[in-house]
Amino acid sequence: MAAPLAGTGPMRLTLTTKIILLLQVALCFALLSTAALSYLKMERMVEDTVASRFTVALRGLAGEVEGAVSLGVSITALRNLDALIQRAMVRDDRITGLVLFTDTGEVLAAAGRGAGHGGPVGAIPAGWKAAFARDGKSDRVAAVADGDSQALLLGIRNAFGGVAGGVALTYSLGEVQAGIRGTIPDLLLSGGINLLTGLLITMVAVWLLLRPIQRRLREMTVSINMLGMGEPPKLTPELAAFAPGLKDFADRILEQQQHGAEEDPPQSTGPAAEAARPAGVTP
């Protein structure tokens, strides 16, 4: 049977390599987890910032309508609603639709996606009506997501503090999310550079840290082998600082070896020893 070729056995990693790989795996996991959480946080932050921007426009339009309604004029009797909506649409081209409606959900004026074909007709969607019924009596802006579109609704109060109607603003949530996703290539590039830099720093740091330790361990191995042969080890200052008790340990071992050699002298097996042995006694 032929002997196995040298170098064909399983490759064994050194301790330094194992530690480097372990730290690099932990670093990769930490960086990837942090990057994922940071992206989700950024996405949420950008969406909230965009919503706040449109909320300001929504409150401005609602305030203009409330200024007229607070004088005692019914919201259904206002004649300049279309002009108000058109001015608000011109201020921000990101607004996809504006709708003014009564407290029952009847559309009074609309522009953009909510305008319809022959002018503002019908009622607001059921989802909008439910959100407005829930938050319309408060000063809180209700948000309703409908596919790629996001709608913000705010109530309009009359002179007595009651709800006279409401205003709804829509914008494309899909465009906002697409803009966020557009930053992914740059994030991946910067994240990859940071990851490679971290892996390289980890490898160099571990190698520089373990290299002197491995050297001291090799010197300790040589010293212990010398003790086993009954020779005093050569302790360098670095090794003495690395293992402070090694010198005392070596002295005790050498002393015990010397005492053992003195207590057990070698027995002679020559002709004189055979003649001095009593008759009938065999070694």
Protein backbone atom coordinates (compact mmCIF):
# COMPACT_ATOMS: atom_id res chain seq x y z
CA MET A 1 0.00 0.00 0.00
CA ALA A 2 1.49 3.31 -1.05
CA ALA A 3 2.20 5.90 1.61
CA PRO A 4 0.03 9.04 1.47
CA LEU A 5 1.62 12.00 -0.24
CA ALA A 6 2.89 14.80 1.95
CA GLY A 7 0.64 17.82 2.15
CA THR A 8 -2.55 15.96 1.28
CA GLY A 9 -3.88 15.86 4.84
CA PRO A 10 -6.38 18.35 6.25
CA MET A 11 -5.01 21.86 6.59
CA ARG A 12 -4.75 23.02 10.19
CA LEU A 13 -5.09 26.68 10.96
CA THR A 14 -2.79 28.35 13.40
CA LEU A 15 -4.11 29.98 16.56
CA THR A 16 -3.46 33.43 15.12
CA THR A 17 -5.42 32.63 11.98
CA LYS A 18 -8.33 31.23 13.99
CA ILE A 19 -8.51 34.33 16.18
CA ILE A 20 -8.32 36.62 13.14
CA LEU A 21 -11.12 34.73 11.38
CA LEU A 22 -13.29 34.74 14.50
CA LEU A 23 -12.86 38.47 15.00
CA GLN A 24 -13.48 39.19 11.33
CA VAL A 25 -16.72 37.18 11.34
CA ALA A 26 -17.88 39.06 14.44
CA LEU A 27 -16.90 42.37 12.83
CA CYS A 28 -18.78 41.54 9.61
CA PHE A 29 -21.90 40.60 11.56
CA ALA A 30 -21.73 43.78 13.65
CA LEU A 31 -21.19 46.06 10.65
CA LEU A 32 -23.92 44.44 8.55
CA SER A 33 -26.42 44.59 11.42
CA THR A 34 -25.55 48.22 12.09
CA ALA A 35 -25.84 49.10 8.41
CA ALA A 36 -29.26 47.44 8.10
CA LEU A 37 -30.60 49.17 11.20
CA SER A 38 -29.14 52.51 10.09
CA TYR A 39 -30.78 52.18 6.67
CA LEU A 40 -34.18 51.41 8.18
CA LYS A 41 -33.80 54.32 10.59
CA MET A 42 -32.80 56.64 7.76
CA GLU A 43 -35.76 55.49 5.66
CA ARG A 44 -38.16 56.20 8.51
CA MET A 45 -36.53 59.56 9.21
CA VAL A 46 -36.73 60.68 5.58
CA GLU A 47 -40.39 59.65 5.34
CA ASP A 48 -41.19 61.56 8.54
CA THR A 49 -39.29 64.61 7.29
CA VAL A 50 -41.18 64.60 3.98
CA ALA A 51 -44.48 64.16 5.82
CA SER A 52 -43.62 67.11 8.08
CA ARG A 53 -42.90 69.22 5.02
CA PHE A 54 -46.30 68.48 3.52
CA THR A 55 -47.97 68.92 6.91
CA VAL A 56 -46.80 72.54 6.92
CA ALA A 57 -48.41 73.10 3.52
CA LEU A 58 -51.57 71.34 4.71
CA ARG A 59 -51.87 73.50 7.83
CA GLY A 60 -51.29 76.65 5.78
CA LEU A 61 -54.15 75.81 3.43
CA ALA A 62 -56.43 74.80 6.31
CA GLY A 63 -55.61 78.09 8.08
CA GLU A 64 -56.61 80.12 5.03
CA VAL A 65 -59.95 78.33 4.80
CA GLU A 66 -60.53 78.64 8.55
CA GLY A 67 -59.90 82.37 8.30
CA ALA A 68 -62.96 82.67 6.05
CA VAL A 69 -65.11 80.14 7.90
CA SER A 70 -64.43 81.78 11.28
CA LEU A 71 -66.23 84.91 10.03
CA GLY A 72 -69.46 82.96 10.01
CA VAL A 73 -69.52 81.95 6.36
CA SER A 74 -70.44 78.34 5.65
CA ILE A 75 -67.67 76.31 4.04
CA THR A 76 -70.05 75.35 1.25
CA ALA A 77 -70.67 79.03 0.47
CA LEU A 78 -67.01 79.90 -0.14
CA ARG A 79 -66.28 80.81 -3.75
CA ASN A 80 -62.50 81.00 -3.83
CA LEU A 81 -61.71 77.42 -2.84
CA ASP A 82 -60.38 76.50 -6.27
CA ALA A 83 -58.02 79.47 -6.25
CA LEU A 84 -56.73 78.54 -2.79
CA ILE A 85 -56.04 74.98 -3.88
CA GLN A 86 -54.34 76.01 -7.10
CA ARG A 87 -52.03 78.41 -5.24
CA ALA A 88 -51.10 75.64 -2.80
CA MET A 89 -50.39 73.23 -5.66
CA VAL A 90 -48.09 75.78 -7.32
CA ARG A 91 -46.07 76.27 -4.13
CA ASP A 92 -44.88 72.66 -4.08
CA ASP A 93 -44.67 70.53 -7.21
CA ARG A 94 -44.34 67.40 -5.07
CA ILE A 95 -47.99 67.65 -4.06
CA THR A 96 -49.99 65.29 -6.24
CA GLY A 97 -53.47 66.27 -5.06
CA LEU A 98 -55.49 68.58 -2.81
CA VAL A 99 -59.10 68.06 -1.78
CA LEU A 100 -61.44 70.24 0.31
CA PHE A 101 -64.48 68.48 1.72
CA THR A 102 -67.30 68.97 4.20
CA ASP A 103 -67.62 67.29 7.56
CA THR A 104 -69.71 64.57 5.90
CA GLY A 105 -66.98 63.82 3.33
CA GLU A 106 -68.56 65.60 0.34
CA VAL A 107 -65.91 67.00 -2.00
CA LEU A 108 -66.11 70.79 -2.46
CA ALA A 109 -62.96 71.46 -4.47
CA ALA A 110 -60.09 69.36 -5.70
CA ALA A 111 -56.96 69.63 -7.78
CA GLY A 112 -54.50 67.10 -9.03
CA ARG A 113 -55.39 63.44 -8.62
CA GLY A 114 -58.53 64.22 -6.63
CA ALA A 115 -59.98 66.57 -9.22
CA GLY A 116 -61.78 64.04 -11.40
CA HIS A 117 -62.73 64.82 -14.99
CA GLY A 118 -65.66 67.22 -14.73
CA GLY A 119 -64.72 68.98 -11.54
CA PRO A 120 -64.94 67.98 -7.88
CA VAL A 121 -67.76 65.48 -7.47
CA GLY A 122 -68.66 62.68 -5.10
CA ALA A 123 -67.13 62.00 -1.71
CA ILE A 124 -63.71 61.25 -0.33
CA PRO A 125 -62.64 57.58 -0.17
CA ALA A 126 -63.90 55.44 2.67
CA GLY A 127 -60.41 55.10 4.17
CA TRP A 128 -60.04 58.87 4.28
CA LYS A 129 -63.48 59.27 5.83
CA ALA A 130 -62.67 56.76 8.58
CA ALA A 131 -59.36 58.46 9.38
CA PHE A 132 -61.00 61.89 9.38
CA ALA A 133 -63.79 60.67 11.66
CA ARG A 134 -61.14 59.39 14.07
CA ASP A 135 -58.81 62.40 14.08
CA GLY A 136 -60.83 65.22 12.51
CA LYS A 137 -62.05 66.62 15.84
CA SER A 138 -58.50 67.00 17.09
CA ASP A 139 -55.63 69.09 15.82
CA ARG A 140 -53.77 65.97 14.77
CA VAL A 141 -53.01 65.21 11.12
CA ALA A 142 -54.33 61.83 9.98
CA ALA A 143 -52.17 59.82 7.56
CA VAL A 144 -53.64 57.25 5.19
CA ALA A 145 -51.49 55.12 2.88
CA ASP A 146 -53.05 53.91 -0.35
CA GLY A 147 -50.53 51.96 -2.40
CA ASP A 148 -47.77 54.34 -3.51
CA SER A 149 -49.79 57.37 -2.45
CA GLN A 150 -49.90 58.94 1.00
CA ALA A 151 -52.78 61.17 2.11
CA LEU A 152 -52.66 63.66 4.98
CA LEU A 153 -55.99 64.94 6.35
CA LEU A 154 -56.66 67.86 8.68
CA GLY A 155 -59.92 69.24 10.03
CA ILE A 156 -61.20 72.79 9.43
CA ARG A 157 -63.02 74.45 12.33
CA ASN A 158 -65.83 76.98 12.22
CA ALA A 159 -66.42 80.03 14.41
CA PHE A 160 -67.86 77.86 17.21
CA GLY A 161 -64.93 75.42 17.33
CA GLY A 162 -66.81 72.67 15.56
CA VAL A 163 -65.59 70.75 12.54
CA ALA A 164 -66.82 72.42 9.36
CA GLY A 165 -64.89 70.21 6.99
CA GLY A 166 -61.43 69.13 6.15
CA VAL A 167 -58.59 69.33 3.68
CA ALA A 168 -56.60 66.40 2.28
CA LEU A 169 -53.17 66.49 0.67
CA THR A 170 -51.69 63.60 -1.28
CA TYR A 171 -48.11 62.97 -2.38
CA SER A 172 -46.24 60.07 -3.93
CA LEU A 173 -44.81 57.86 -1.20
CA GLY A 174 -43.34 55.62 -3.90
CA GLU A 175 -41.18 58.48 -5.22
CA VAL A 176 -39.90 59.17 -1.71
CA GLN A 177 -39.02 55.52 -1.19
CA ALA A 178 -37.43 55.33 -4.65
CA GLY A 179 -35.25 58.30 -3.76
CA ILE A 180 -34.18 56.54 -0.57
CA ARG A 181 -33.39 53.34 -2.46
CA GLY A 182 -31.31 55.40 -4.88
CA THR A 183 -28.80 55.96 -2.08
CA ILE A 184 -28.20 52.21 -1.62
CA PRO A 185 -25.26 51.98 -4.12
CA ASP A 186 -23.40 54.80 -2.36
CA LEU A 187 -24.16 53.24 1.02
CA LEU A 188 -22.90 49.86 -0.18
CA LEU A 189 -19.72 51.42 -1.53
CA SER A 190 -18.95 53.29 1.69
CA GLY A 191 -19.96 50.29 3.78
CA GLY A 192 -17.72 47.98 1.74
CA ILE A 193 -14.77 50.33 2.17
CA ASN A 194 -15.38 50.51 5.92
CA LEU A 195 -15.71 46.74 6.10
CA LEU A 196 -12.48 46.06 4.22
CA THR A 197 -10.67 48.65 6.32
CA GLY A 198 -11.96 47.07 9.51
CA LEU A 199 -10.96 43.58 8.39
CA LEU A 200 -7.47 44.75 7.48
CA ILE A 201 -7.03 46.60 10.77
CA THR A 202 -8.27 43.54 12.69
CA MET A 203 -5.83 41.24 10.93
CA VAL A 204 -2.84 43.54 11.49
CA ALA A 205 -3.77 44.27 15.10
CA VAL A 206 -4.17 40.61 16.04
CA TRP A 207 -0.94 39.66 14.28
CA LEU A 208 1.00 42.41 16.06
CA LEU A 209 -0.55 41.45 19.39
CA LEU A 210 0.02 37.70 19.18
CA ARG A 211 3.44 37.73 17.54
CA PRO A 212 5.38 38.58 20.76
CA ILE A 213 3.19 36.22 22.77
CA GLN A 214 3.98 33.34 20.42
CA ARG A 215 7.69 34.18 20.62
CA ARG A 216 7.60 34.06 24.42
CA LEU A 217 5.71 30.75 24.34
CA ARG A 218 8.36 29.25 22.08
CA GLU A 219 11.08 30.42 24.46
CA MET A 220 9.19 28.86 27.38
CA THR A 221 8.96 25.57 25.49
CA VAL A 222 12.72 25.59 24.90
CA SER A 223 13.35 26.38 28.58
CA ILE A 224 11.11 23.53 29.78
CA ASN A 225 12.85 21.12 27.40
CA MET A 226 16.20 22.19 28.84
CA LEU A 227 14.85 21.57 32.35
CA GLY A 228 13.83 18.09 31.29
CA MET A 229 17.41 17.40 30.25
CA GLY A 230 18.73 18.75 33.57
CA GLU A 231 20.18 21.93 32.10
CA PRO A 232 19.47 25.43 33.43
CA PRO A 233 17.23 27.34 30.99
CA LYS A 234 18.29 30.54 29.31
CA LEU A 235 15.88 33.16 30.60
CA THR A 236 15.93 36.40 28.66
CA PRO A 237 14.65 39.59 30.34
CA GLU A 238 11.59 39.55 28.08
CA LEU A 239 10.77 35.96 29.06
CA ALA A 240 11.33 36.72 32.76
CA ALA A 241 8.90 39.65 32.48
CA PHE A 242 6.40 37.51 30.57
CA ALA A 243 6.53 34.64 33.11
CA PRO A 244 7.76 36.08 36.45
CA GLY A 245 7.61 32.75 38.30
CA LEU A 246 9.51 30.76 35.69
CA LYS A 247 12.96 31.36 37.23
CA ASP A 248 11.90 30.14 40.69
CA PHE A 249 10.16 27.17 39.10
CA ALA A 250 13.31 26.28 37.17
CA ASP A 251 15.50 26.59 40.30
CA ARG A 252 13.22 24.25 42.25
CA ILE A 253 13.21 21.69 39.46
CA LEU A 254 17.00 21.77 39.16
CA GLU A 255 17.39 21.48 42.96
CA GLN A 256 15.06 18.47 43.09
CA GLN A 257 16.92 16.86 40.21
CA GLN A 258 20.24 17.40 42.02
CA HIS A 259 18.93 15.96 45.30
CA GLY A 260 17.51 12.97 43.47
CA ALA A 261 20.84 12.30 41.84
CA GLU A 262 22.62 12.46 45.22
CA GLU A 263 20.13 10.15 47.00
CA ASP A 264 20.15 7.49 44.27
CA PRO A 265 23.84 6.76 43.44
CA PRO A 266 24.36 4.41 40.55
CA GLN A 267 24.80 0.73 41.63
CA SER A 268 27.92 -1.10 40.38
CA THR A 269 27.41 -4.32 38.47
CA GLY A 270 31.09 -5.28 38.13
CA PRO A 271 32.91 -8.49 39.37
CA ALA A 272 33.52 -6.98 42.82
CA ALA A 273 29.80 -6.50 43.36
CA GLU A 274 29.13 -10.06 42.31
CA ALA A 275 31.72 -11.40 44.78
CA ALA A 276 30.30 -9.34 47.65
CA ARG A 277 26.77 -10.63 47.05
CA PRO A 278 25.81 -13.43 49.56
CA ALA A 279 25.55 -16.92 48.26
CA GLY A 280 22.17 -17.86 46.96
CA VAL A 281 21.14 -14.24 46.38
CA THR A 282 20.45 -13.42 42.81
CA PRO A 283 20.15 -9.88 41.56
